[in-house]
């Protein structure tokens, strides 16, 4: 009997947990490399190995017991990813693509080569470099660490006279924007590409708190832009392209992630093939699934830890209040600001669907339901990373 391939995922956060759930329906059991037995995916996956994603011996030992290796975060040292490939391991996405999600300088330079829209930017090593850039674009400016930033970390807004952070940085214009968008696409090694509809993302304090799929009146070229990036960067698996929609309607690429992404959680119920199943299919080079929506609108609200950690005690009340609401809890230890789960509502009326998702999240977190829409500030938000 032919045995199914062994798919390994480095990292055991909620993205690995939901990828594991999707893999089960395809007859697979995702193998995960976890840091601890309390990691989200380690609580549910049958095949768990423990190790450090920064340790090459741990990575090699794990990869040698898998047919294909993929990632639920971008923090594996790039030299280790390349070493795995050099040892004959199948790694998807590979190091040549993954570097553009790990290194913002490399990403910006490559997008410039491709003449794709992005904020004005420059590599800087001193305050004088920043000041010269700001003389062209205006203060304040956005400074980003070249490597390692996520969820508000590694991003600074500098005014004239502020000190440059002591890390390798790039500087970007502060984009005046209408809203933030995201496009997810999946690509397999044979070249097949599938895209989901453009979504709007709502950010607070550097964290995505809500997604609306599809985004209303989305720019027609957003999906083409994301597909172009996937092909030109030779991405395998799911690619998330975070975008700014400028005040004038133009687009600018903000960030890239080469893995399932917070902006795609709605696809579990809201698309015929979820981002998690599609990622499994893509990295195994299996035919990709239909990415068409299953409802007119899907709104997802993230569950963030607050003052009252008793989310589990409120679960029954949330399910009773809206039986059609879909709730996903990640099994993580509650702490303020931490992503503990998400809820998704589907329907034909956007106002109603959005209200239901927010109400469900409010019940579960014990926090008041937001009554006002956040106003765009032009402040870029970093690629969502599981916390």
Protein backbone atom coordinates (compact mmCIF):
# COMPACT_ATOMS: atom_id res chain seq x y z
CA UNK A 1 0.00 0.00 0.00
CA UNK A 2 1.27 3.46 -0.89
CA UNK A 3 1.93 5.51 2.23
CA UNK A 4 1.00 9.21 2.28
CA UNK A 5 3.90 11.66 2.30
CA UNK A 6 5.21 12.95 5.60
CA UNK A 7 4.75 16.71 5.70
CA UNK A 8 6.71 18.52 8.40
CA UNK A 9 6.14 22.07 9.60
CA UNK A 10 8.80 23.97 11.51
CA UNK A 11 6.98 25.81 14.28
CA UNK A 12 3.93 24.71 16.24
CA UNK A 13 1.81 27.82 16.62
CA UNK A 14 -1.82 28.26 15.64
CA UNK A 15 -0.96 28.25 11.93
CA UNK A 16 0.53 24.78 12.31
CA UNK A 17 -2.48 23.73 14.39
CA UNK A 18 -4.94 24.75 11.66
CA UNK A 19 -2.72 23.28 8.94
CA UNK A 20 -2.77 20.00 10.84
CA UNK A 21 -6.55 20.09 10.98
CA UNK A 22 -6.71 20.60 7.21
CA UNK A 23 -4.15 17.85 6.57
CA UNK A 24 -6.27 15.27 8.39
CA UNK A 25 -9.01 15.46 5.76
CA UNK A 26 -6.39 14.65 3.11
CA UNK A 27 -5.27 11.54 4.98
CA UNK A 28 -2.17 13.16 6.45
CA UNK A 29 -0.94 13.86 9.95
CA UNK A 30 1.20 16.95 10.02
CA UNK A 31 4.53 16.44 11.80
CA UNK A 32 5.56 19.56 13.72
CA UNK A 33 8.79 20.80 15.23
CA UNK A 34 7.70 22.42 18.49
CA UNK A 35 9.58 24.46 21.05
CA UNK A 36 7.49 23.09 23.93
CA UNK A 37 4.61 20.73 24.67
CA UNK A 38 2.39 23.75 25.33
CA UNK A 39 2.63 25.04 21.76
CA UNK A 40 -0.73 25.31 20.01
CA UNK A 41 -0.12 22.56 17.44
CA UNK A 42 1.76 20.34 19.89
CA UNK A 43 -1.47 20.02 21.88
CA UNK A 44 -3.32 18.34 18.99
CA UNK A 45 -0.86 16.84 16.50
CA UNK A 46 0.01 13.16 16.80
CA UNK A 47 3.56 13.56 15.47
CA UNK A 48 5.42 16.15 17.52
CA UNK A 49 9.16 16.56 17.76
CA UNK A 50 10.81 19.07 20.07
CA UNK A 51 13.67 21.29 19.04
CA UNK A 52 14.92 24.79 18.38
CA UNK A 53 14.26 26.32 14.96
CA UNK A 54 17.59 28.16 15.33
CA UNK A 55 19.53 24.90 15.75
CA UNK A 56 20.79 23.34 12.52
CA UNK A 57 21.16 19.85 14.08
CA UNK A 58 17.55 20.00 15.32
CA UNK A 59 16.35 21.11 11.88
CA UNK A 60 18.35 18.45 10.04
CA UNK A 61 17.13 15.68 12.33
CA UNK A 62 13.56 16.80 11.83
CA UNK A 63 13.81 17.29 8.06
CA UNK A 64 15.41 13.90 7.48
CA UNK A 65 12.25 12.27 8.86
CA UNK A 66 9.97 14.24 6.50
CA UNK A 67 9.32 14.09 2.78
CA UNK A 68 8.62 17.83 2.57
CA UNK A 69 9.34 20.59 5.09
CA UNK A 70 7.48 23.89 5.34
CA UNK A 71 7.16 26.66 7.95
CA UNK A 72 4.61 28.39 10.17
CA UNK A 73 6.94 31.39 10.70
CA UNK A 74 9.85 33.10 8.96
CA UNK A 75 12.38 33.01 11.79
CA UNK A 76 14.45 30.00 10.75
CA UNK A 77 17.95 31.36 9.96
CA UNK A 78 18.27 31.59 6.17
CA UNK A 79 21.63 29.83 6.18
CA UNK A 80 19.96 26.86 7.90
CA UNK A 81 17.21 26.72 5.27
CA UNK A 82 19.86 26.61 2.56
CA UNK A 83 21.82 23.97 4.45
CA UNK A 84 18.74 21.74 4.51
CA UNK A 85 18.41 22.03 0.75
CA UNK A 86 22.12 21.32 0.30
CA UNK A 87 21.63 18.12 2.30
CA UNK A 88 18.94 16.99 -0.15
CA UNK A 89 15.88 17.90 1.91
CA UNK A 90 12.79 19.16 0.09
CA UNK A 91 11.99 22.57 1.59
CA UNK A 92 9.03 24.65 0.40
CA UNK A 93 9.19 27.55 0.08
CA UNK A 94 12.88 27.30 -0.67
CA UNK A 95 15.60 29.65 0.57
CA UNK A 96 15.74 31.76 -2.60
CA UNK A 97 12.06 32.67 -2.21
CA UNK A 98 11.89 32.73 1.58
CA UNK A 99 14.60 35.38 1.86
CA UNK A 100 12.13 37.96 0.51
CA UNK A 101 9.88 37.33 3.51
CA UNK A 102 12.82 37.35 5.93
CA UNK A 103 14.81 40.32 4.66
CA UNK A 104 12.99 43.60 4.00
CA UNK A 105 15.94 45.12 2.17
CA UNK A 106 16.05 42.17 -0.22
CA UNK A 107 12.28 42.35 -0.69
CA UNK A 108 12.27 46.06 -1.46
CA UNK A 109 15.18 45.74 -3.89
CA UNK A 110 13.58 42.84 -5.75
CA UNK A 111 10.20 44.57 -6.03
CA UNK A 112 12.02 47.61 -7.39
CA UNK A 113 13.72 45.44 -10.01
CA UNK A 114 10.29 44.13 -11.01
CA UNK A 115 8.92 47.70 -11.13
CA UNK A 116 6.08 46.78 -8.77
CA UNK A 117 4.38 49.47 -6.67
CA UNK A 118 5.72 50.06 -3.17
CA UNK A 119 6.37 52.96 -0.81
CA UNK A 120 9.38 55.16 -1.43
CA UNK A 121 12.24 53.62 0.54
CA UNK A 122 15.98 53.64 1.11
CA UNK A 123 18.62 51.65 2.96
CA UNK A 124 20.04 53.78 5.80
CA UNK A 125 22.94 53.55 8.24
CA UNK A 126 22.78 56.94 9.98
CA UNK A 127 20.42 59.68 11.06
CA UNK A 128 21.81 61.86 8.26
CA UNK A 129 20.65 59.24 5.74
CA UNK A 130 17.17 59.37 7.25
CA UNK A 131 17.13 63.17 7.24
CA UNK A 132 18.08 63.30 3.56
CA UNK A 133 15.29 60.84 2.77
CA UNK A 134 12.77 62.84 4.83
CA UNK A 135 13.76 66.00 2.96
CA UNK A 136 12.28 64.33 -0.12
CA UNK A 137 9.22 62.63 1.42
CA UNK A 138 8.48 64.65 4.56
CA UNK A 139 8.52 63.83 8.28
CA UNK A 140 7.61 61.58 10.00
CA UNK A 141 9.09 58.55 8.30
CA UNK A 142 8.81 54.82 8.94
CA UNK A 143 11.94 52.91 9.93
CA UNK A 144 11.90 49.11 9.78
CA UNK A 145 14.39 46.53 10.97
CA UNK A 146 15.64 44.58 7.97
CA UNK A 147 15.10 41.28 9.77
CA UNK A 148 12.99 39.93 12.59
CA UNK A 149 10.09 42.38 12.92
CA UNK A 150 6.46 41.35 13.49
CA UNK A 151 3.30 42.50 15.30
CA UNK A 152 4.58 46.04 15.83
CA UNK A 153 8.12 44.96 16.72
CA UNK A 154 10.89 46.28 14.52
CA UNK A 155 8.84 49.25 13.22
CA UNK A 156 9.44 52.83 14.36
CA UNK A 157 7.90 56.17 13.38
CA UNK A 158 10.62 58.80 13.46
CA UNK A 159 10.19 62.57 13.63
CA UNK A 160 12.97 65.08 12.99
CA UNK A 161 15.65 64.68 15.64
CA UNK A 162 14.67 61.15 16.75
CA UNK A 163 17.45 58.62 17.17
CA UNK A 164 17.87 55.82 14.63
CA UNK A 165 17.43 52.33 16.20
CA UNK A 166 20.70 50.39 16.60
CA UNK A 167 19.86 47.70 14.03
CA UNK A 168 20.17 47.36 10.26
CA UNK A 169 17.26 49.39 8.89
CA UNK A 170 15.45 50.68 5.89
CA UNK A 171 13.41 53.87 5.86
CA UNK A 172 10.07 54.25 4.08
CA UNK A 173 7.67 57.07 3.40
CA UNK A 174 4.68 57.25 5.69
CA UNK A 175 1.94 56.37 3.25
CA UNK A 176 -1.33 58.26 3.46
CA UNK A 177 -3.81 55.52 2.86
CA UNK A 178 -7.47 54.79 2.40
CA UNK A 179 -7.27 51.31 3.91
CA UNK A 180 -5.14 48.17 4.15
CA UNK A 181 -5.75 45.16 1.92
CA UNK A 182 -4.34 41.68 1.58
CA UNK A 183 -4.27 39.11 -1.21
CA UNK A 184 -3.50 35.45 -0.65
CA UNK A 185 -2.34 33.25 -3.49
CA UNK A 186 -1.09 29.68 -3.57
CA UNK A 187 1.43 28.29 -6.04
CA UNK A 188 2.74 24.77 -6.52
CA UNK A 189 6.13 23.80 -8.00
CA UNK A 190 4.55 22.86 -11.32
CA UNK A 191 3.41 26.48 -11.68
CA UNK A 192 -0.33 26.29 -10.97
CA UNK A 193 -1.54 29.43 -9.14
CA UNK A 194 -4.84 30.10 -7.36
CA UNK A 195 -5.92 33.29 -5.63
CA UNK A 196 -8.62 34.13 -3.12
CA UNK A 197 -10.56 37.42 -3.28
CA UNK A 198 -8.95 40.60 -1.98
CA UNK A 199 -9.68 41.22 1.69
CA UNK A 200 -9.67 44.35 3.83
CA UNK A 201 -7.73 44.14 7.08
CA UNK A 202 -8.38 46.27 10.17
CA UNK A 203 -5.40 46.94 12.42
CA UNK A 204 -5.09 48.12 16.01
CA UNK A 205 -1.73 48.58 17.74
CA UNK A 206 0.07 46.71 14.98
CA UNK A 207 -2.19 43.63 15.19
CA UNK A 208 -4.86 42.59 12.72
CA UNK A 209 -8.15 42.49 14.60
CA UNK A 210 -10.61 41.97 11.73
CA UNK A 211 -10.76 40.92 8.07
CA UNK A 212 -13.56 41.51 5.58
CA UNK A 213 -13.79 39.23 2.56
CA UNK A 214 -14.16 40.33 -0.10
CA UNK A 215 -13.02 43.93 0.26
CA UNK A 216 -15.64 46.24 -1.21
CA UNK A 217 -14.61 47.97 -4.45
CA UNK A 218 -11.20 46.33 -4.37
CA UNK A 219 -8.71 47.55 -6.99
CA UNK A 220 -8.90 45.29 -10.03
CA UNK A 221 -5.13 44.88 -10.27
CA UNK A 222 -4.54 43.67 -6.69
CA UNK A 223 -4.86 39.96 -7.47
CA UNK A 224 -2.72 40.28 -10.61
CA UNK A 225 -0.06 42.03 -8.54
CA UNK A 226 0.00 39.22 -5.95
CA UNK A 227 0.10 36.51 -8.61
CA UNK A 228 2.99 38.29 -10.33
CA UNK A 229 4.96 38.36 -7.08
CA UNK A 230 4.31 34.65 -6.48
CA UNK A 231 5.59 33.74 -9.93
CA UNK A 232 8.55 36.12 -10.09
CA UNK A 233 9.78 35.15 -6.61
CA UNK A 234 9.21 31.44 -7.34
CA UNK A 235 7.07 30.98 -4.23
CA UNK A 236 5.78 27.52 -3.31
CA UNK A 237 2.85 27.35 -0.90
CA UNK A 238 0.65 30.18 0.31
CA UNK A 239 1.87 33.74 -0.20
CA UNK A 240 0.25 36.67 1.61
CA UNK A 241 0.75 40.07 0.04
CA UNK A 242 -0.17 42.93 2.36
CA UNK A 243 -1.05 46.11 0.51
CA UNK A 244 -1.70 49.77 1.16
CA UNK A 245 -4.48 51.36 -0.86
CA UNK A 246 -3.37 54.97 -1.16
CA UNK A 247 -5.71 57.93 -0.90
CA UNK A 248 -5.63 58.21 -4.70
CA UNK A 249 -6.58 54.53 -5.14
CA UNK A 250 -3.09 53.33 -6.06
CA UNK A 251 -1.54 50.26 -4.46
CA UNK A 252 1.75 49.79 -2.61
CA UNK A 253 3.17 46.50 -1.33
CA UNK A 254 3.71 46.63 2.42
CA UNK A 255 4.84 43.15 3.50
CA UNK A 256 5.11 39.56 2.27
CA UNK A 257 4.57 36.30 4.17
CA UNK A 258 5.19 32.86 2.68
CA UNK A 259 2.90 30.73 4.81
CA UNK A 260 -0.76 30.74 5.87
CA UNK A 261 -1.66 34.16 7.20
CA UNK A 262 -4.02 35.87 9.60
CA UNK A 263 -5.78 37.61 6.71
CA UNK A 264 -6.81 34.21 5.34
CA UNK A 265 -8.47 32.62 8.38
CA UNK A 266 -11.86 33.43 6.84
CA UNK A 267 -11.17 30.83 4.14
CA UNK A 268 -11.78 27.92 6.55
CA UNK A 269 -15.55 28.43 6.25
CA UNK A 270 -15.68 31.18 3.63
CA UNK A 271 -13.91 29.50 0.69
CA UNK A 272 -14.26 26.14 -1.01
CA UNK A 273 -10.62 25.42 -0.16
CA UNK A 274 -9.06 26.97 2.92
CA UNK A 275 -5.62 28.55 2.91
CA UNK A 276 -4.44 25.72 5.17
CA UNK A 277 -5.53 22.89 2.89
CA UNK A 278 -4.24 24.81 -0.11
CA UNK A 279 -0.83 25.24 1.52
CA UNK A 280 -0.65 21.47 2.09
CA UNK A 281 -1.63 20.79 -1.52
CA UNK A 282 0.81 23.35 -2.87
CA UNK A 283 3.94 22.27 -0.99
CA UNK A 284 3.22 18.62 -1.84
CA UNK A 285 2.73 19.64 -5.51
CA UNK A 286 -0.82 18.31 -5.54
CA UNK A 287 -3.57 19.90 -7.67
CA UNK A 288 -4.85 23.09 -6.03
CA UNK A 289 -8.42 23.40 -4.83
CA UNK A 290 -11.16 25.83 -5.82
CA UNK A 291 -10.64 29.14 -3.99
CA UNK A 292 -14.12 30.54 -4.74
CA UNK A 293 -16.09 32.00 -1.80
CA UNK A 294 -18.91 30.04 -0.19
CA UNK A 295 -20.83 33.16 0.90
CA UNK A 296 -21.29 36.75 -0.21
CA UNK A 297 -19.32 38.03 2.79
CA UNK A 298 -17.08 36.51 5.43
CA UNK A 299 -15.90 38.59 8.38
CA UNK A 300 -13.35 37.29 10.85
CA UNK A 301 -12.65 38.90 14.23
CA UNK A 302 -9.54 37.91 16.16
CA UNK A 303 -9.83 37.03 19.83
CA UNK A 304 -7.16 38.92 21.75
CA UNK A 305 -6.40 38.30 25.39
CA UNK A 306 -7.72 41.00 27.74
CA UNK A 307 -8.07 41.73 31.41
CA UNK A 308 -10.30 38.69 31.98
CA UNK A 309 -8.55 35.48 30.82
CA UNK A 310 -11.61 33.23 31.14
CA UNK A 311 -12.31 32.76 27.42
CA UNK A 312 -13.18 29.09 27.87
CA UNK A 313 -15.82 29.96 30.45
CA UNK A 314 -17.59 32.23 27.94
CA UNK A 315 -17.50 29.81 25.00
CA UNK A 316 -20.90 28.26 25.67
CA UNK A 317 -22.54 31.69 25.90
CA UNK A 318 -21.04 32.76 22.57
CA UNK A 319 -22.21 29.59 20.82
CA UNK A 320 -25.68 29.99 22.29
CA UNK A 321 -25.93 33.65 21.26
CA UNK A 322 -25.13 32.95 17.59
CA UNK A 323 -25.27 29.25 16.62
CA UNK A 324 -24.13 30.09 13.06
CA UNK A 325 -20.92 31.76 14.28
CA UNK A 326 -17.80 29.67 13.71
CA UNK A 327 -15.39 29.75 16.65
CA UNK A 328 -11.73 28.69 16.58
CA UNK A 329 -9.78 28.57 19.84
CA UNK A 330 -6.03 27.96 19.66
CA UNK A 331 -5.44 26.41 23.07
CA UNK A 332 -2.93 29.08 24.10
CA UNK A 333 -2.29 30.43 27.57
CA UNK A 334 -4.18 33.75 27.82
CA UNK A 335 -2.29 36.98 28.22
CA UNK A 336 -3.19 40.56 27.24
CA UNK A 337 -2.89 41.21 23.50
CA UNK A 338 -2.16 37.60 22.59
CA UNK A 339 -4.08 36.00 19.73
CA UNK A 340 -6.17 33.28 21.38
CA UNK A 341 -8.50 32.43 18.52
CA UNK A 342 -10.88 33.90 15.99
CA UNK A 343 -14.55 33.88 15.03
CA UNK A 344 -16.02 33.99 11.52
CA UNK A 345 -19.48 35.03 10.42
CA UNK A 346 -20.91 34.46 6.93
CA UNK A 347 -23.87 36.06 5.19
CA UNK A 348 -25.26 38.30 2.48
CA UNK A 349 -25.40 41.66 4.30
CA UNK A 350 -22.01 43.09 5.23
CA UNK A 351 -23.24 45.30 8.08
CA UNK A 352 -25.02 42.36 9.71
CA UNK A 353 -22.15 39.92 9.18
CA UNK A 354 -19.64 42.36 10.61
CA UNK A 355 -21.80 43.05 13.63
CA UNK A 356 -22.21 39.33 14.32
CA UNK A 357 -18.46 38.67 14.17
CA UNK A 358 -17.72 41.58 16.48
CA UNK A 359 -20.47 40.62 18.91
CA UNK A 360 -19.20 37.05 19.10
CA UNK A 361 -15.66 38.23 19.74
CA UNK A 362 -16.86 40.62 22.42
CA UNK A 363 -18.70 37.85 24.26
CA UNK A 364 -15.67 35.56 24.15
CA UNK A 365 -13.10 38.13 25.24
CA UNK A 366 -15.29 39.93 27.74
CA UNK A 367 -14.41 43.21 26.06
CA UNK A 368 -16.94 45.76 24.76
CA UNK A 369 -17.86 45.54 21.09
CA UNK A 370 -16.20 48.35 19.07
CA UNK A 371 -18.69 51.00 18.01
CA UNK A 372 -16.48 53.06 15.69
CA UNK A 373 -14.37 52.20 12.67
CA UNK A 374 -10.65 52.87 13.11
CA UNK A 375 -9.48 55.76 10.98
CA UNK A 376 -6.62 55.09 8.53
CA UNK A 377 -3.45 56.79 9.70
CA UNK A 378 -1.02 55.81 7.01
CA UNK A 379 0.95 53.81 9.55
CA UNK A 380 2.19 50.54 8.04
CA UNK A 381 1.37 47.39 9.92
CA UNK A 382 3.85 44.51 10.03
CA UNK A 383 3.20 41.09 8.63
CA UNK A 384 1.05 39.12 11.06
CA UNK A 385 3.02 36.58 13.04
CA UNK A 386 1.54 34.12 15.51
CA UNK A 387 2.13 35.25 19.07
